[in-house]
PDB file of N, CA and C in Angstrom:
ATOM      1  N   MET A   1      78.730 105.809 131.246  1.00  0.00           N
ATOM      2  CA  MET A   1      79.922 105.799 131.945  1.00  0.00           C
ATOM      3  C   MET A   1      80.318 104.691 131.513  1.00  0.00           C
ATOM      4  N   ALA A   2      80.068 103.154 131.916  1.00  0.00           N
ATOM      5  CA  ALA A   2      81.126 102.474 131.200  1.00  0.00           C
ATOM      6  C   ALA A   2      81.689 101.731 130.273  1.00  0.00           C
ATOM      7  N   ARG A   3      81.022 102.881 128.987  1.00  0.00           N
ATOM      8  CA  ARG A   3      80.699 102.393 127.462  1.00  0.00           C
ATOM      9  C   ARG A   3      82.534 103.567 127.273  1.00  0.00           C
ATOM     10  N   LEU A   4      83.149 104.333 128.492  1.00  0.00           N
ATOM     11  CA  LEU A   4      83.310 105.620 128.264  1.00  0.00           C
ATOM     12  C   LEU A   4      85.054 104.428 128.929  1.00  0.00           C
ATOM     13  N   ASP A   5      84.830 103.959 129.794  1.00  0.00           N
ATOM     14  CA  ASP A   5      86.038 103.121 130.042  1.00  0.00           C
ATOM     15  C   ASP A   5      86.297 101.689 129.227  1.00  0.00           C
ATOM     16  N   PHE A   6      85.835 101.336 128.843  1.00  0.00           N
ATOM     17  CA  PHE A   6      86.372 100.080 127.373  1.00  0.00           C
ATOM     18  C   PHE A   6      86.820 101.173 126.314  1.00  0.00           C
ATOM     19  N   LEU A   7      86.037 102.176 125.848  1.00  0.00           N
ATOM     20  CA  LEU A   7      86.874 102.971 124.899  1.00  0.00           C
ATOM     21  C   LEU A   7      88.457 103.997 124.778  1.00  0.00           C
ATOM     22  N   ILE A   8      88.483 103.818 126.675  1.00  0.00           N
ATOM     23  CA  ILE A   8      89.837 104.799 126.201  1.00  0.00           C
ATOM     24  C   ILE A   8      91.040 103.462 126.671  1.00  0.00           C
ATOM     25  N   PRO A   9      91.085 102.827 126.692  1.00  0.00           N
ATOM     26  CA  PRO A   9      92.258 101.028 127.448  1.00  0.00           C
ATOM     27  C   PRO A   9      92.528 101.688 124.825  1.00  0.00           C
ATOM     28  N   VAL A  10      91.039 101.381 124.737  1.00  0.00           N
ATOM     29  CA  VAL A  10      91.314 100.854 122.727  1.00  0.00           C
ATOM     30  C   VAL A  10      91.597 101.405 122.458  1.00  0.00           C
ATOM     31  N   LEU A  11      91.222 103.404 122.307  1.00  0.00           N
ATOM     32  CA  LEU A  11      92.199 104.421 121.906  1.00  0.00           C
ATOM     33  C   LEU A  11      92.898 104.962 122.422  1.00  0.00           C
ATOM     34  N   SER A  12      93.663 104.575 123.264  1.00  0.00           N
ATOM     35  CA  SER A  12      95.401 104.173 124.349  1.00  0.00           C
ATOM     36  C   SER A  12      95.734 103.609 123.063  1.00  0.00           C
ATOM     37  N   VAL A  13      95.697 102.512 122.669  1.00  0.00           N
ATOM     38  CA  VAL A  13      96.518 101.542 121.920  1.00  0.00           C
ATOM     39  C   VAL A  13      96.092 101.518 120.837  1.00  0.00           C
ATOM     40  N   LEU A  14      95.777 102.050 119.542  1.00  0.00           N
ATOM     41  CA  LEU A  14      95.610 103.040 118.844  1.00  0.00           C
ATOM     42  C   LEU A  14      96.467 103.176 118.621  1.00  0.00           C
ATOM     43  N   MET A  15      96.298 104.649 119.775  1.00  0.00           N
ATOM     44  CA  MET A  15      97.196 105.898 119.800  1.00  0.00           C
ATOM     45  C   MET A  15      98.860 105.406 119.778  1.00  0.00           C
ATOM     46  N   ILE A  16      99.142 104.515 120.625  1.00  0.00           N
ATOM     47  CA  ILE A  16     100.532 103.843 120.478  1.00  0.00           C
ATOM     48  C   ILE A  16     101.394 103.252 119.811  1.00  0.00           C
ATOM     49  N   SER A  17      99.993 102.666 118.185  1.00  0.00           N
ATOM     50  CA  SER A  17     100.561 102.670 117.298  1.00  0.00           C
ATOM     51  C   SER A  17     100.806 103.415 116.108  1.00  0.00           C
ATOM     52  N   CYS A  18     100.205 104.319 116.540  1.00  0.00           N
ATOM     53  CA  CYS A  18     100.351 105.081 115.168  1.00  0.00           C
ATOM     54  C   CYS A  18     101.617 105.570 114.809  1.00  0.00           C
ATOM     55  N   VAL A  19     101.892 105.412 113.801  1.00  0.00           N
ATOM     56  CA  VAL A  19     103.446 105.590 113.254  1.00  0.00           C
ATOM     57  C   VAL A  19     102.943 106.129 111.426  1.00  0.00           C
ATOM     58  N   THR A  20     103.422 107.160 111.047  1.00  0.00           N
ATOM     59  CA  THR A  20     101.972 107.544 109.629  1.00  0.00           C
ATOM     60  C   THR A  20     104.207 106.643 109.022  1.00  0.00           C
ATOM     61  N   PRO A  21     103.104 105.578 108.260  1.00  0.00           N
ATOM     62  CA  PRO A  21     104.224 104.541 107.666  1.00  0.00           C
ATOM     63  C   PRO A  21     104.575 104.780 106.306  1.00  0.00           C
ATOM     64  N   LEU A  22     105.698 104.622 106.514  1.00  0.00           N
ATOM     65  CA  LEU A  22     106.751 105.006 105.383  1.00  0.00           C
ATOM     66  C   LEU A  22     106.200 104.327 103.428  1.00  0.00           C
ATOM     67  N   LYS A  23     106.187 105.498 102.611  1.00  0.00           N
ATOM     68  CA  LYS A  23     105.737 104.196 101.331  1.00  0.00           C
ATOM     69  C   LYS A  23     106.715 103.865 100.737  1.00  0.00           C
ATOM     70  N   LYS A  24     106.776 102.446 100.321  1.00  0.00           N
ATOM     71  CA  LYS A  24     107.697 101.529  99.630  1.00  0.00           C
ATOM     72  C   LYS A  24     108.486 102.366  98.584  1.00  0.00           C
ATOM     73  N   GLU A  25     107.625 103.331  97.883  1.00  0.00           N
ATOM     74  CA  GLU A  25     108.925 104.192  96.872  1.00  0.00           C
ATOM     75  C   GLU A  25     109.708 105.520  97.651  1.00  0.00           C
ATOM     76  N   ALA A  26     109.086 105.419  98.587  1.00  0.00           N
ATOM     77  CA  ALA A  26     110.008 106.766  99.259  1.00  0.00           C
ATOM     78  C   ALA A  26     110.987 105.979  99.976  1.00  0.00           C
ATOM     79  N   GLU A  27     111.379 104.694 100.354  1.00  0.00           N
ATOM     80  CA  GLU A  27     112.767 105.133 101.217  1.00  0.00           C
ATOM     81  C   GLU A  27     113.780 104.828 100.503  1.00  0.00           C
ATOM     82  N   ILE A  28     113.678 106.094  99.548  1.00  0.00           N
ATOM     83  CA  ILE A  28     115.318 106.577  99.187  1.00  0.00           C
ATOM     84  C   ILE A  28     115.387 107.404  99.242  1.00  0.00           C
ATOM     85  N   VAL A  29     114.630 107.745  99.788  1.00  0.00           N
ATOM     86  CA  VAL A  29     114.566 109.911 100.139  1.00  0.00           C
ATOM     87  C   VAL A  29     115.349 109.579 101.469  1.00  0.00           C
ATOM     88  N   GLN A  30     116.794 110.403 101.396  1.00  0.00           N
ATOM     89  CA  GLN A  30     117.609 110.775 101.960  1.00  0.00           C
ATOM     90  C   GLN A  30     116.906 112.203 103.256  1.00  0.00           C
ATOM     91  N   LEU A  31     117.565 111.921 104.324  1.00  0.00           N
ATOM     92  CA  LEU A  31     117.332 112.844 105.043  1.00  0.00           C
ATOM     93  C   LEU A  31     118.584 113.353 105.776  1.00  0.00           C
ATOM     94  N   ILE A  32     118.571 114.894 104.913  1.00  0.00           N
ATOM     95  CA  ILE A  32     120.558 114.754 104.933  1.00  0.00           C
ATOM     96  C   ILE A  32     120.471 116.374 105.929  1.00  0.00           C
ATOM     97  N   TYR A  33     121.658 116.434 107.255  1.00  0.00           N
ATOM     98  CA  TYR A  33     122.146 117.375 107.980  1.00  0.00           C
ATOM     99  C   TYR A  33     122.373 118.709 107.700  1.00  0.00           C
ATOM    100  N   ILE A  34     123.172 118.186 107.068  1.00  0.00           N
ATOM    101  CA  ILE A  34     124.623 119.180 105.906  1.00  0.00           C
ATOM    102  C   ILE A  34     123.487 119.897 104.407  1.00  0.00           C
ATOM    103  N   GLU A  35     123.785 121.440 104.742  1.00  0.00           N
ATOM    104  CA  GLU A  35     123.018 121.452 102.634  1.00  0.00           C
ATOM    105  C   GLU A  35     124.147 121.065 101.796  1.00  0.00           C
ATOM    106  N   PRO A  36     123.331 120.663 100.759  1.00  0.00           N
ATOM    107  CA  PRO A  36     124.459 120.400  99.722  1.00  0.00           C
ATOM    108  C   PRO A  36     124.992 121.209  99.312  1.00  0.00           C
ATOM    109  N   LYS A  37     126.187 121.545  99.005  1.00  0.00           N
ATOM    110  CA  LYS A  37     126.881 122.826  97.946  1.00  0.00           C
ATOM    111  C   LYS A  37     126.217 122.880  96.565  1.00  0.00           C
ATOM    112  N   GLU A  38     126.135 124.297  96.686  1.00  0.00           N
ATOM    113  CA  GLU A  38     125.278 124.366  94.933  1.00  0.00           C
ATOM    114  C   GLU A  38     126.176 123.825  93.445  1.00  0.00           C
ATOM    115  N   GLY A  39     125.128 123.961  93.257  1.00  0.00           N
ATOM    116  CA  GLY A  39     125.653 122.461  92.233  1.00  0.00           C
ATOM    117  C   GLY A  39     125.573 120.919  92.140  1.00  0.00           C
ATOM    118  N   GLN A  40     125.424 120.700  93.455  1.00  0.00           N
ATOM    119  CA  GLN A  40     125.383 119.568  93.534  1.00  0.00           C
ATOM    120  C   GLN A  40     124.645 118.673  93.503  1.00  0.00           C
ATOM    121  N   CYS A  41     123.255 119.505  93.318  1.00  0.00           N
ATOM    122  CA  CYS A  41     121.791 119.194  93.384  1.00  0.00           C
ATOM    123  C   CYS A  41     120.675 120.449  92.719  1.00  0.00           C
ATOM    124  N   ARG A  42     119.565 119.257  92.936  1.00  0.00           N
ATOM    125  CA  ARG A  42     119.170 120.664  92.081  1.00  0.00           C
ATOM    126  C   ARG A  42     118.077 121.167  93.517  1.00  0.00           C
ATOM    127  N   PHE A  43     117.069 122.450  93.588  1.00  0.00           N
ATOM    128  CA  PHE A  43     116.824 122.644  94.331  1.00  0.00           C
ATOM    129  C   PHE A  43     115.044 122.285  93.746  1.00  0.00           C
ATOM    130  N   ILE A  44     114.521 122.032  94.264  1.00  0.00           N
ATOM    131  CA  ILE A  44     113.021 121.566  94.167  1.00  0.00           C
ATOM    132  C   ILE A  44     111.788 122.421  94.982  1.00  0.00           C
ATOM    133  N   GLY A  45     111.938 122.226  96.277  1.00  0.00           N
ATOM    134  CA  GLY A  45     111.039 123.148  97.282  1.00  0.00           C
ATOM    135  C   GLY A  45     111.011 122.946  98.117  1.00  0.00           C
ATOM    136  N   GLN A  46     110.740 123.481  99.260  1.00  0.00           N
ATOM    137  CA  GLN A  46     110.443 123.513 100.574  1.00  0.00           C
ATOM    138  C   GLN A  46     109.044 123.080 100.993  1.00  0.00           C
ATOM    139  N   THR A  47     109.513 122.339 101.780  1.00  0.00           N
ATOM    140  CA  THR A  47     108.468 121.318 103.116  1.00  0.00           C
ATOM    141  C   THR A  47     108.634 120.905 104.150  1.00  0.00           C
ATOM    142  N   SER A  48     107.559 120.651 105.006  1.00  0.00           N
ATOM    143  CA  SER A  48     107.558 120.830 106.477  1.00  0.00           C
ATOM    144  C   SER A  48     106.489 119.795 107.202  1.00  0.00           C
ATOM    145  N   ALA A  49     106.637 118.687 107.729  1.00  0.00           N
ATOM    146  CA  ALA A  49     106.534 117.749 108.309  1.00  0.00           C
ATOM    147  C   ALA A  49     106.257 117.450 110.349  1.00  0.00           C
ATOM    148  N   SER A  50     104.829 117.364 110.702  1.00  0.00           N
ATOM    149  CA  SER A  50     104.935 117.960 111.976  1.00  0.00           C
ATOM    150  C   SER A  50     103.957 116.104 112.985  1.00  0.00           C
ATOM    151  N   ASP A  51     104.429 115.514 113.059  1.00  0.00           N
ATOM    152  CA  ASP A  51     103.295 114.460 113.791  1.00  0.00           C
ATOM    153  C   ASP A  51     103.558 115.181 116.034  1.00  0.00           C
ATOM    154  N   GLY A  52     102.242 114.257 116.309  1.00  0.00           N
ATOM    155  CA  GLY A  52     102.517 113.912 117.854  1.00  0.00           C
ATOM    156  C   GLY A  52     101.482 115.288 118.205  1.00  0.00           C
ATOM    157  N   GLY A  53     101.487 115.579 119.729  1.00  0.00           N
ATOM    158  CA  GLY A  53     101.145 116.513 120.724  1.00  0.00           C
ATOM    159  C   GLY A  53      99.664 116.824 121.707  1.00  0.00           C
ATOM    160  N   MET A  54      99.221 117.220 122.164  1.00  0.00           N
ATOM    161  CA  MET A  54      99.480 117.844 123.515  1.00  0.00           C
ATOM    162  C   MET A  54      98.899 116.050 123.803  1.00  0.00           C
ATOM    163  N   VAL A  55      98.450 115.403 123.263  1.00  0.00           N
ATOM    164  CA  VAL A  55      96.990 113.993 123.319  1.00  0.00           C
ATOM    165  C   VAL A  55      97.487 113.086 123.292  1.00  0.00           C
ATOM    166  N   SER A  56      98.426 112.551 121.828  1.00  0.00           N
ATOM    167  CA  SER A  56      98.682 111.780 121.655  1.00  0.00           C
ATOM    168  C   SER A  56     100.535 111.624 121.131  1.00  0.00           C
ATOM    169  N   GLY A  57     100.974 112.940 121.719  1.00  0.00           N
ATOM    170  CA  GLY A  57     102.633 112.223 121.965  1.00  0.00           C
ATOM    171  C   GLY A  57     103.232 112.011 123.403  1.00  0.00           C
ATOM    172  N   ASP A  58     101.911 111.708 124.348  1.00  0.00           N
ATOM    173  CA  ASP A  58     101.857 111.481 125.891  1.00  0.00           C
ATOM    174  C   ASP A  58     101.564 110.071 125.349  1.00  0.00           C
ATOM    175  N   PHE A  59     101.461 109.725 124.490  1.00  0.00           N
ATOM    176  CA  PHE A  59     101.316 108.216 124.188  1.00  0.00           C
ATOM    177  C   PHE A  59     102.826 107.932 123.644  1.00  0.00           C
ATOM    178  N   MET A  60     103.082 108.139 122.742  1.00  0.00           N
ATOM    179  CA  MET A  60     104.105 107.683 121.440  1.00  0.00           C
ATOM    180  C   MET A  60     105.158 108.284 122.314  1.00  0.00           C
ATOM    181  N   THR A  61     106.354 106.915 122.363  1.00  0.00           N
ATOM    182  CA  THR A  61     107.957 107.193 122.696  1.00  0.00           C
ATOM    183  C   THR A  61     108.362 108.092 122.183  1.00  0.00           C
ATOM    184  N   ASP A  62     109.537 109.251 122.528  1.00  0.00           N
ATOM    185  CA  ASP A  62     109.669 109.708 121.140  1.00  0.00           C
ATOM    186  C   ASP A  62     110.951 109.207 120.015  1.00  0.00           C
ATOM    187  N   ALA A  63     111.057 108.228 119.712  1.00  0.00           N
ATOM    188  CA  ALA A  63     111.752 107.777 118.872  1.00  0.00           C
ATOM    189  C   ALA A  63     110.361 107.793 118.508  1.00  0.00           C
ATOM    190  N   LYS A  64     108.757 106.813 118.144  1.00  0.00           N
ATOM    191  CA  LYS A  64     107.735 107.071 117.114  1.00  0.00           C
ATOM    192  C   LYS A  64     107.681 108.251 116.972  1.00  0.00           C
ATOM    193  N   ILE A  65     107.440 109.342 117.879  1.00  0.00           N
ATOM    194  CA  ILE A  65     107.304 110.920 116.731  1.00  0.00           C
ATOM    195  C   ILE A  65     108.366 110.738 115.848  1.00  0.00           C
ATOM    196  N   TYR A  66     109.358 110.348 116.353  1.00  0.00           N
ATOM    197  CA  TYR A  66     110.731 111.240 115.601  1.00  0.00           C
ATOM    198  C   TYR A  66     110.123 110.256 113.584  1.00  0.00           C
ATOM    199  N   ARG A  67     110.217 109.409 114.287  1.00  0.00           N
ATOM    200  CA  ARG A  67     109.969 107.784 113.034  1.00  0.00           C
ATOM    201  C   ARG A  67     108.829 108.793 112.275  1.00  0.00           C
ATOM    202  N   SER A  68     108.084 108.728 112.879  1.00  0.00           N
ATOM    203  CA  SER A  68     106.525 109.045 112.313  1.00  0.00           C
ATOM    204  C   SER A  68     106.431 110.994 111.332  1.00  0.00           C
ATOM    205  N   THR A  69     107.843 111.338 111.618  1.00  0.00           N
ATOM    206  CA  THR A  69     107.819 112.726 111.036  1.00  0.00           C
ATOM    207  C   THR A  69     108.435 112.152 109.842  1.00  0.00           C
ATOM    208  N   ALA A  70     110.056 112.113 110.164  1.00  0.00           N
ATOM    209  CA  ALA A  70     110.339 111.790 109.446  1.00  0.00           C
ATOM    210  C   ALA A  70     109.626 110.885 108.207  1.00  0.00           C
ATOM    211  N   ASN A  71     109.232 110.062 108.566  1.00  0.00           N
ATOM    212  CA  ASN A  71     108.230 109.262 107.659  1.00  0.00           C
ATOM    213  C   ASN A  71     107.503 110.005 106.692  1.00  0.00           C
ATOM    214  N   LEU A  72     107.093 111.483 107.137  1.00  0.00           N
ATOM    215  CA  LEU A  72     106.047 112.443 106.392  1.00  0.00           C
ATOM    216  C   LEU A  72     106.995 112.998 105.714  1.00  0.00           C
ATOM    217  N   MET A  73     108.156 113.532 106.420  1.00  0.00           N
ATOM    218  CA  MET A  73     109.230 114.287 105.250  1.00  0.00           C
ATOM    219  C   MET A  73     109.404 113.544 104.168  1.00  0.00           C
ATOM    220  N   LYS A  74     110.346 112.468 104.111  1.00  0.00           N
ATOM    221  CA  LYS A  74     109.688 111.376 103.316  1.00  0.00           C
ATOM    222  C   LYS A  74     108.838 111.513 102.190  1.00  0.00           C
ATOM    223  N   ASN A  75     107.517 110.736 102.680  1.00  0.00           N
ATOM    224  CA  ASN A  75     106.506 110.865 101.022  1.00  0.00           C
ATOM    225  C   ASN A  75     106.457 111.977 100.894  1.00  0.00           C
ATOM    226  N   LYS A  76     106.779 113.340 101.694  1.00  0.00           N
ATOM    227  CA  LYS A  76     106.264 114.451 100.661  1.00  0.00           C
ATOM    228  C   LYS A  76     107.745 114.805  99.326  1.00  0.00           C
ATOM    229  N   ALA A  77     108.815 114.278  99.730  1.00  0.00           N
ATOM    230  CA  ALA A  77     109.470 114.447  99.304  1.00  0.00           C
ATOM    231  C   ALA A  77     109.603 114.084  98.065  1.00  0.00           C
ATOM    232  N   TYR A  78     109.594 112.964  98.018  1.00  0.00           N
ATOM    233  CA  TYR A  78     109.254 111.842  97.090  1.00  0.00           C
ATOM    234  C   TYR A  78     107.852 112.483  96.116  1.00  0.00           C
ATOM    235  N   LYS A  79     106.784 112.694  96.748  1.00  0.00           N
ATOM    236  CA  LYS A  79     105.596 112.578  96.128  1.00  0.00           C
ATOM    237  C   LYS A  79     106.222 114.187  94.760  1.00  0.00           C
ATOM    238  N   MET A  80     107.503 114.829  95.791  1.00  0.00           N
ATOM    239  CA  MET A  80     108.042 116.094  95.350  1.00  0.00           C
ATOM    240  C   MET A  80     108.664 115.732  93.756  1.00  0.00           C
ATOM    241  N   GLY A  81     109.190 114.284  94.250  1.00  0.00           N
ATOM    242  CA  GLY A  81     110.168 114.009  93.017  1.00  0.00           C
ATOM    243  C   GLY A  81     111.458 114.122  93.267  1.00  0.00           C
ATOM    244  N   GLY A  82     111.729 114.553  95.094  1.00  0.00           N
ATOM    245  CA  GLY A  82     113.601 115.119  95.396  1.00  0.00           C
ATOM    246  C   GLY A  82     113.425 113.542  95.510  1.00  0.00           C
ATOM    247  N   ASN A  83     115.089 113.013  96.578  1.00  0.00           N
ATOM    248  CA  ASN A  83     115.266 112.217  96.735  1.00  0.00           C
ATOM    249  C   ASN A  83     116.615 112.556  97.966  1.00  0.00           C
ATOM    250  N   ALA A  84     116.270 113.571  98.492  1.00  0.00           N
ATOM    251  CA  ALA A  84     116.956 114.139  99.494  1.00  0.00           C
ATOM    252  C   ALA A  84     116.715 115.448 100.080  1.00  0.00           C
ATOM    253  N   VAL A  85     116.350 115.247 101.549  1.00  0.00           N
ATOM    254  CA  VAL A  85     115.373 116.872 102.336  1.00  0.00           C
ATOM    255  C   VAL A  85     116.844 117.346 102.972  1.00  0.00           C
ATOM    256  N   TYR A  86     117.546 118.935 102.589  1.00  0.00           N
ATOM    257  CA  TYR A  86     118.128 118.781 103.720  1.00  0.00           C
ATOM    258  C   TYR A  86     117.229 119.710 104.976  1.00  0.00           C
ATOM    259  N   ILE A  87     117.480 118.931 106.640  1.00  0.00           N
ATOM    260  CA  ILE A  87     116.846 119.158 107.396  1.00  0.00           C
ATOM    261  C   ILE A  87     117.173 120.620 107.812  1.00  0.00           C
ATOM    262  N   GLN A  88     116.697 121.613 107.856  1.00  0.00           N
ATOM    263  CA  GLN A  88     117.060 123.322 108.062  1.00  0.00           C
ATOM    264  C   GLN A  88     116.835 123.248 109.681  1.00  0.00           C
ATOM    265  N   GLN A  89     115.430 123.039 109.905  1.00  0.00           N
ATOM    266  CA  GLN A  89     115.318 122.970 111.209  1.00  0.00           C
ATOM    267  C   GLN A  89     114.068 122.403 111.715  1.00  0.00           C
ATOM    268  N   GLN A  90     114.783 121.255 113.427  1.00  0.00           N
ATOM    269  CA  GLN A  90     114.148 120.850 113.385  1.00  0.00           C
ATOM    270  C   GLN A  90     113.822 121.487 114.835  1.00  0.00           C
ATOM    271  N   PHE A  91     111.886 120.624 116.138  1.00  0.00           N
ATOM    272  CA  PHE A  91     111.445 121.499 117.270  1.00  0.00           C
ATOM    273  C   PHE A  91     110.594 120.708 116.817  1.00  0.00           C
ATOM    274  N   ASN A  92     110.360 120.566 119.274  1.00  0.00           N
ATOM    275  CA  ASN A  92     109.153 120.303 119.376  1.00  0.00           C
ATOM    276  C   ASN A  92     108.323 121.498 120.235  1.00  0.00           C
ATOM    277  N   LYS A  93     107.761 121.931 119.115  1.00  0.00           N
ATOM    278  CA  LYS A  93     106.718 122.849 119.287  1.00  0.00           C
ATOM    279  C   LYS A  93     106.157 122.981 121.133  1.00  0.00           C
ATOM    280  N   ASN A  94     105.570 122.346 121.402  1.00  0.00           N
ATOM    281  CA  ASN A  94     105.627 122.362 122.903  1.00  0.00           C
ATOM    282  C   ASN A  94     106.353 121.762 124.288  1.00  0.00           C
ATOM    283  N   LYS A  95     107.735 122.212 123.564  1.00  0.00           N
ATOM    284  CA  LYS A  95     108.882 122.169 124.937  1.00  0.00           C
ATOM    285  C   LYS A  95     108.872 123.110 125.904  1.00  0.00           C
ATOM    286  N   ASP A  96     107.526 124.166 126.271  1.00  0.00           N
ATOM    287  CA  ASP A  96     107.428 124.728 126.683  1.00  0.00           C
ATOM    288  C   ASP A  96     106.433 124.932 127.620  1.00  0.00           C
ATOM    289  N   LEU A  97     105.360 123.628 127.127  1.00  0.00           N
ATOM    290  CA  LEU A  97     104.713 123.428 128.017  1.00  0.00           C
ATOM    291  C   LEU A  97     104.541 121.453 128.642  1.00  0.00           C
ATOM    292  N   THR A  98     105.895 120.917 128.230  1.00  0.00           N
ATOM    293  CA  THR A  98     105.384 119.331 128.882  1.00  0.00           C
ATOM    294  C   THR A  98     107.239 119.210 129.000  1.00  0.00           C
ATOM    295  N   LYS A  99     107.944 118.608 129.463  1.00  0.00           N
ATOM    296  CA  LYS A  99     109.228 117.989 129.359  1.00  0.00           C
ATOM    297  C   LYS A  99     109.490 116.813 128.550  1.00  0.00           C
ATOM    298  N   ALA A 100     108.025 115.774 128.132  1.00  0.00           N
ATOM    299  CA  ALA A 100     108.277 115.126 127.180  1.00  0.00           C
ATOM    300  C   ALA A 100     108.652 116.033 125.593  1.00  0.00           C
ATOM    301  N   MET A 101     108.824 115.068 124.371  1.00  0.00           N
ATOM    302  CA  MET A 101     108.848 115.409 123.528  1.00  0.00           C
ATOM    303  C   MET A 101     107.762 114.923 123.106  1.00  0.00           C
ATOM    304  N   THR A 102     106.646 115.702 122.857  1.00  0.00           N
ATOM    305  CA  THR A 102     105.274 115.566 122.898  1.00  0.00           C
ATOM    306  C   THR A 102     104.768 115.478 120.961  1.00  0.00           C
ATOM    307  N   ASN A 103     105.835 116.683 120.261  1.00  0.00           N
ATOM    308  CA  ASN A 103     105.400 117.136 118.980  1.00  0.00           C
ATOM    309  C   ASN A 103     106.609 116.957 118.608  1.00  0.00           C
ATOM    310  N   GLN A 104     107.055 116.287 116.492  1.00  0.00           N
ATOM    311  CA  GLN A 104     108.068 117.101 116.392  1.00  0.00           C
ATOM    312  C   GLN A 104     108.280 117.264 115.077  1.00  0.00           C
ATOM    313  N   THR A 105     108.772 118.575 115.188  1.00  0.00           N
ATOM    314  CA  THR A 105     108.649 119.295 113.810  1.00  0.00           C
ATOM    315  C   THR A 105     109.544 119.694 112.388  1.00  0.00           C
ATOM    316  N   MET A 106     109.525 118.838 111.703  1.00  0.00           N
ATOM    317  CA  MET A 106     110.735 118.991 110.166  1.00  0.00           C
ATOM    318  C   MET A 106     110.577 119.651 109.483  1.00  0.00           C
ATOM    319  N   GLN A 107     111.698 120.932 109.418  1.00  0.00           N
ATOM    320  CA  GLN A 107     111.372 121.836 108.063  1.00  0.00           C
ATOM    321  C   GLN A 107     112.818 121.473 107.319  1.00  0.00           C
ATOM    322  N   GLY A 108     112.137 121.884 106.146  1.00  0.00           N
ATOM    323  CA  GLY A 108     113.688 121.382 105.122  1.00  0.00           C
ATOM    324  C   GLY A 108     112.789 121.921 103.711  1.00  0.00           C
ATOM    325  N   PHE A 109     114.585 121.665 102.758  1.00  0.00           N
ATOM    326  CA  PHE A 109     114.258 121.739 101.820  1.00  0.00           C
ATOM    327  C   PHE A 109     114.672 120.916 101.079  1.00  0.00           C
ATOM    328  N   VAL A 110     113.533 119.818  99.208  1.00  0.00           N
ATOM    329  CA  VAL A 110     113.857 119.139  99.387  1.00  0.00           C
ATOM    330  C   VAL A 110     114.667 118.916  97.600  1.00  0.00           C
ATOM    331  N   TYR A 111     116.007 118.461  97.478  1.00  0.00           N
ATOM    332  CA  TYR A 111     116.581 117.946  96.420  1.00  0.00           C
ATOM    333  C   TYR A 111     116.505 116.808  95.472  1.00  0.00           C
ATOM    334  N   GLN A 112     116.756 117.044  94.473  1.00  0.00           N
ATOM    335  CA  GLN A 112     117.025 115.834  93.571  1.00  0.00           C
ATOM    336  C   GLN A 112     118.854 116.270  93.177  1.00  0.00           C
ATOM    337  N   CYS A 113     119.531 114.752  93.846  1.00  0.00           N
ATOM    338  CA  CYS A 113     120.483 115.183  93.429  1.00  0.00           C
ATOM    339  C   CYS A 113     121.576 113.701  93.016  1.00  0.00           C
ATOM    340  N   PRO A 114     121.698 114.040  91.822  1.00  0.00           N
ATOM    341  CA  PRO A 114     122.658 113.141  91.566  1.00  0.00           C
ATOM    342  C   PRO A 114     123.304 111.397  92.255  1.00  0.00           C
ATOM    343  N   GLY A 115     123.743 111.037  91.700  1.00  0.00           N
ATOM    344  CA  GLY A 115     124.827 109.887  92.505  1.00  0.00           C
ATOM    345  C   GLY A 115     123.339 109.325  93.345  1.00  0.00           C
ATOM    346  N   LEU A 116     122.190 109.710  93.696  1.00  0.00           N
ATOM    347  CA  LEU A 116     120.944 109.074  94.484  1.00  0.00           C
ATOM    348  C   LEU A 116     120.178 109.157  93.228  1.00  0.00           C
ATOM    349  N   GLU A 117     119.702 107.225  93.473  1.00  0.00           N
ATOM    350  CA  GLU A 117     118.996 106.910  92.503  1.00  0.00           C
ATOM    351  C   GLU A 117     117.663 108.365  92.605  1.00  0.00           C
ATOM    352  N   GLN A 118     117.656 108.676  91.136  1.00  0.00           N
ATOM    353  CA  GLN A 118     116.582 109.109  91.130  1.00  0.00           C
ATOM    354  C   GLN A 118     114.576 108.536  91.312  1.00  0.00           C
ATOM    355  N   VAL A 119     113.768 109.859  91.112  1.00  0.00           N
ATOM    356  CA  VAL A 119     112.588 109.135  91.745  1.00  0.00           C
ATOM    357  C   VAL A 119     112.011 110.790  90.227  1.00  0.00           C
ATOM    358  N   GLN A 120     110.822 110.094  89.474  1.00  0.00           N
ATOM    359  CA  GLN A 120     110.293 111.332  89.052  1.00  0.00           C
ATOM    360  C   GLN A 120     109.086 112.525  89.831  1.00  0.00           C
ATOM    361  N   PRO A 121     108.582 112.961  89.455  1.00  0.00           N
ATOM    362  CA  PRO A 121     107.297 114.045  90.175  1.00  0.00           C
ATOM    363  C   PRO A 121     106.293 112.916  89.939  1.00  0.00           C
ATOM    364  N   ILE A 122     105.201 112.796  91.532  1.00  0.00           N
ATOM    365  CA  ILE A 122     103.674 112.288  91.170  1.00  0.00           C
ATOM    366  C   ILE A 122     103.290 113.490  91.144  1.00  0.00           C
ATOM    367  N   THR A 123     101.857 112.845  89.974  1.00  0.00           N
ATOM    368  CA  THR A 123     100.721 114.150  88.811  1.00  0.00           C
ATOM    369  C   THR A 123      99.841 113.462  90.158  1.00  0.00           C
ATOM    370  N   GLU A 124      99.231 114.632  89.522  1.00  0.00           N
ATOM    371  CA  GLU A 124      97.333 114.485  90.637  1.00  0.00           C
ATOM    372  C   GLU A 124      97.070 113.331  90.024  1.00  0.00           C
ATOM    373  N   GLN A 125      97.205 112.962  88.956  1.00  0.00           N
ATOM    374  CA  GLN A 125      96.887 112.213  87.581  1.00  0.00           C
ATOM    375  C   GLN A 125      96.830 110.480  88.496  1.00  0.00           C
ATOM    376  N   GLN A 126      98.842 110.474  88.638  1.00  0.00           N
ATOM    377  CA  GLN A 126      98.498 108.900  88.986  1.00  0.00           C
ATOM    378  C   GLN A 126      98.027 108.532  90.206  1.00  0.00           C
TER     379      GLN A 126
END
């Protein structure tokens, strides 16, 4: 039992600092909350990201859960060749189970918009 007592603080520290890192090249991706007007940007596809959970969400601040989810969205959009993500929906799927934000889910549309820094899609070979 003493062995488990040692692991609990170690696991807690690891879980507290578990924010999905933003890849350097994905820093150019912008999350937007107003859909681009038709013809302004080229639609690439749809993506979603989620972070936190009933256990790990209790050990992360709301800000860390949001930042981690946003980083996931930006990393995915960059890999698709996008430089902007219109966040269509954002929610905490555990809201009925707890008062704290233990989960953050984002769903959005990935665009390539002129006037923003451009990226090329990452192929599986790269």
